[in-house]
Amino acid sequence: MNQTPPPDNAAAMAMTAYTLGRALYTAALRGGVSETVRDRMMKPRPGDLVIEVTAFHTQLDPDGIGRLVSIQGTPEMPERYVVEPLHRPGTQQGWRNATFAAVPDQPSAERWAEGGEPS
């Protein structure tokens, strides 16, 4: 399922991913999801669908919703995230001083968190 949506659906897909991802991220912070899912969300990997979660109370930046291309630095101390925004397929946006959360992109969040293939 690691496919970028076509440009005509990209803005709607980005907003849906952000809305659902934000709700799941908030639930994860409050203990509303399994520890396995929470831990996986907090450690995004290249290829993951991600949302920028540094400051939820500021204006949404659509460039912070997309596929994680790379993490520069170490996973424990990332220096820079590179994201392909959903609304601009084929482009990349670099982020410093930001936090990203991975969002499950398959029907079972538990299976996703455990590294399983989509069902």
Protein backbone atom coordinates (compact mmCIF):
# COMPACT_ATOMS: atom_id res chain seq x y z
CA MET A 1 0.00 0.00 0.00
CA ASN A 2 2.97 2.35 -0.17
CA GLN A 3 1.54 4.11 -3.21
CA THR A 4 1.21 7.86 -3.54
CA PRO A 5 -2.32 8.83 -4.60
CA PRO A 6 -2.81 10.51 -7.97
CA PRO A 7 -2.59 14.32 -7.89
CA ASP A 8 -6.35 14.85 -8.29
CA ASN A 9 -7.02 12.97 -5.02
CA ALA A 10 -3.88 14.09 -3.25
CA ALA A 11 -5.26 17.02 -1.24
CA ALA A 12 -8.25 15.04 0.03
CA MET A 13 -6.06 12.05 0.85
CA ALA A 14 -3.61 14.27 2.72
CA MET A 15 -6.36 15.81 4.85
CA THR A 16 -7.86 12.39 5.59
CA ALA A 17 -4.45 10.99 6.54
CA TYR A 18 -3.80 13.97 8.78
CA THR A 19 -7.19 13.83 10.51
CA LEU A 20 -7.06 10.10 11.16
CA GLY A 21 -3.37 10.16 11.99
CA ARG A 22 -3.82 12.98 14.46
CA ALA A 23 -6.66 11.13 16.21
CA LEU A 24 -4.61 7.93 16.40
CA TYR A 25 -1.51 9.81 17.59
CA THR A 26 -3.52 11.53 20.33
CA ALA A 27 -4.99 8.17 21.37
CA ALA A 28 -1.48 6.70 21.44
CA LEU A 29 -0.26 9.45 23.75
CA ARG A 30 -3.19 8.79 26.09
CA GLY A 31 -2.73 5.02 26.17
CA GLY A 32 -5.67 4.32 23.87
CA VAL A 33 -3.75 2.00 21.55
CA SER A 34 -1.49 -0.96 22.18
CA GLU A 35 2.09 -0.35 23.23
CA THR A 36 3.24 -2.06 20.03
CA VAL A 37 1.31 0.37 17.81
CA ARG A 38 2.31 3.40 19.89
CA ASP A 39 6.00 2.51 19.79
CA ARG A 40 5.87 1.90 16.03
CA MET A 41 4.14 5.24 15.43
CA MET A 42 6.79 7.09 17.41
CA LYS A 43 9.63 5.62 15.31
CA PRO A 44 8.79 6.25 11.66
CA ARG A 45 10.79 4.48 8.97
CA PRO A 46 11.47 5.39 5.36
CA GLY A 47 8.44 4.39 3.27
CA ASP A 48 5.97 5.09 6.09
CA LEU A 49 2.98 7.35 5.72
CA VAL A 50 3.80 10.14 8.20
CA ILE A 51 2.32 13.28 9.68
CA GLU A 52 4.26 16.11 11.27
CA VAL A 53 3.25 16.32 14.93
CA THR A 54 5.61 18.93 16.34
CA ALA A 55 2.91 21.50 17.00
CA PHE A 56 -0.68 20.36 16.55
CA HIS A 57 -1.99 23.73 17.66
CA THR A 58 -0.47 25.71 14.81
CA GLN A 59 -1.62 25.97 11.22
CA LEU A 60 -1.51 22.71 9.27
CA ASP A 61 1.31 22.50 6.73
CA PRO A 62 0.27 20.06 3.99
CA ASP A 63 3.94 19.38 3.22
CA GLY A 64 4.09 17.57 6.58
CA ILE A 65 1.78 14.79 5.39
CA GLY A 66 3.30 12.19 3.10
CA ARG A 67 5.73 9.33 2.64
CA LEU A 68 8.94 9.43 4.63
CA VAL A 69 11.80 9.30 2.15
CA SER A 70 14.70 9.36 4.60
CA ILE A 71 15.89 10.26 8.06
CA GLN A 72 19.25 11.97 8.30
CA GLY A 73 21.11 11.48 11.55
CA THR A 74 20.25 8.58 13.82
CA PRO A 75 16.75 7.25 14.51
CA GLU A 76 17.24 8.20 18.17
CA MET A 77 18.33 11.76 17.30
CA PRO A 78 17.09 12.59 13.80
CA GLU A 79 18.60 15.75 12.36
CA ARG A 80 16.39 16.00 9.31
CA TYR A 81 13.36 14.23 7.87
CA VAL A 82 12.76 14.17 4.13
CA VAL A 83 9.11 13.70 3.14
CA GLU A 84 7.35 13.33 -0.22
CA PRO A 85 4.15 15.31 0.44
CA LEU A 86 0.95 13.52 -0.58
CA HIS A 87 -0.36 16.64 -2.27
CA ARG A 88 2.81 17.09 -4.36
CA PRO A 89 3.89 13.65 -5.62
CA GLY A 90 7.43 13.50 -6.95
CA THR A 91 8.70 16.37 -4.79
CA GLN A 92 10.53 16.27 -1.49
CA GLN A 93 10.42 18.53 1.55
CA GLY A 94 13.14 18.57 4.21
CA TRP A 95 12.31 19.17 7.87
CA ARG A 96 14.60 20.07 10.78
CA ASN A 97 13.54 20.53 14.40
CA ALA A 98 10.37 18.57 13.73
CA THR A 99 8.72 15.42 15.00
CA PHE A 100 6.92 12.96 12.76
CA ALA A 101 4.63 10.07 13.60
CA ALA A 102 4.05 7.08 11.36
CA VAL A 103 0.43 6.33 10.50
CA PRO A 104 -0.72 2.77 9.76
CA ASP A 105 -1.58 2.38 6.09
CA GLN A 106 -3.15 -1.04 6.21
CA PRO A 107 -6.33 -2.42 7.77
CA SER A 108 -4.69 -3.91 10.88
CA ALA A 109 -2.64 -1.44 12.92
CA GLU A 110 -1.29 -4.31 15.04
CA ARG A 111 -0.12 -6.21 11.96
CA TRP A 112 1.44 -3.01 10.58
CA ALA A 113 3.24 -2.35 13.87
CA GLU A 114 4.62 -5.87 13.90
CA GLY A 115 5.94 -5.47 10.35
CA GLY A 116 3.40 -7.74 8.70
CA GLU A 117 2.29 -7.48 5.11
CA PRO A 118 -1.07 -5.86 4.35
CA SER A 119 -3.95 -8.31 4.48
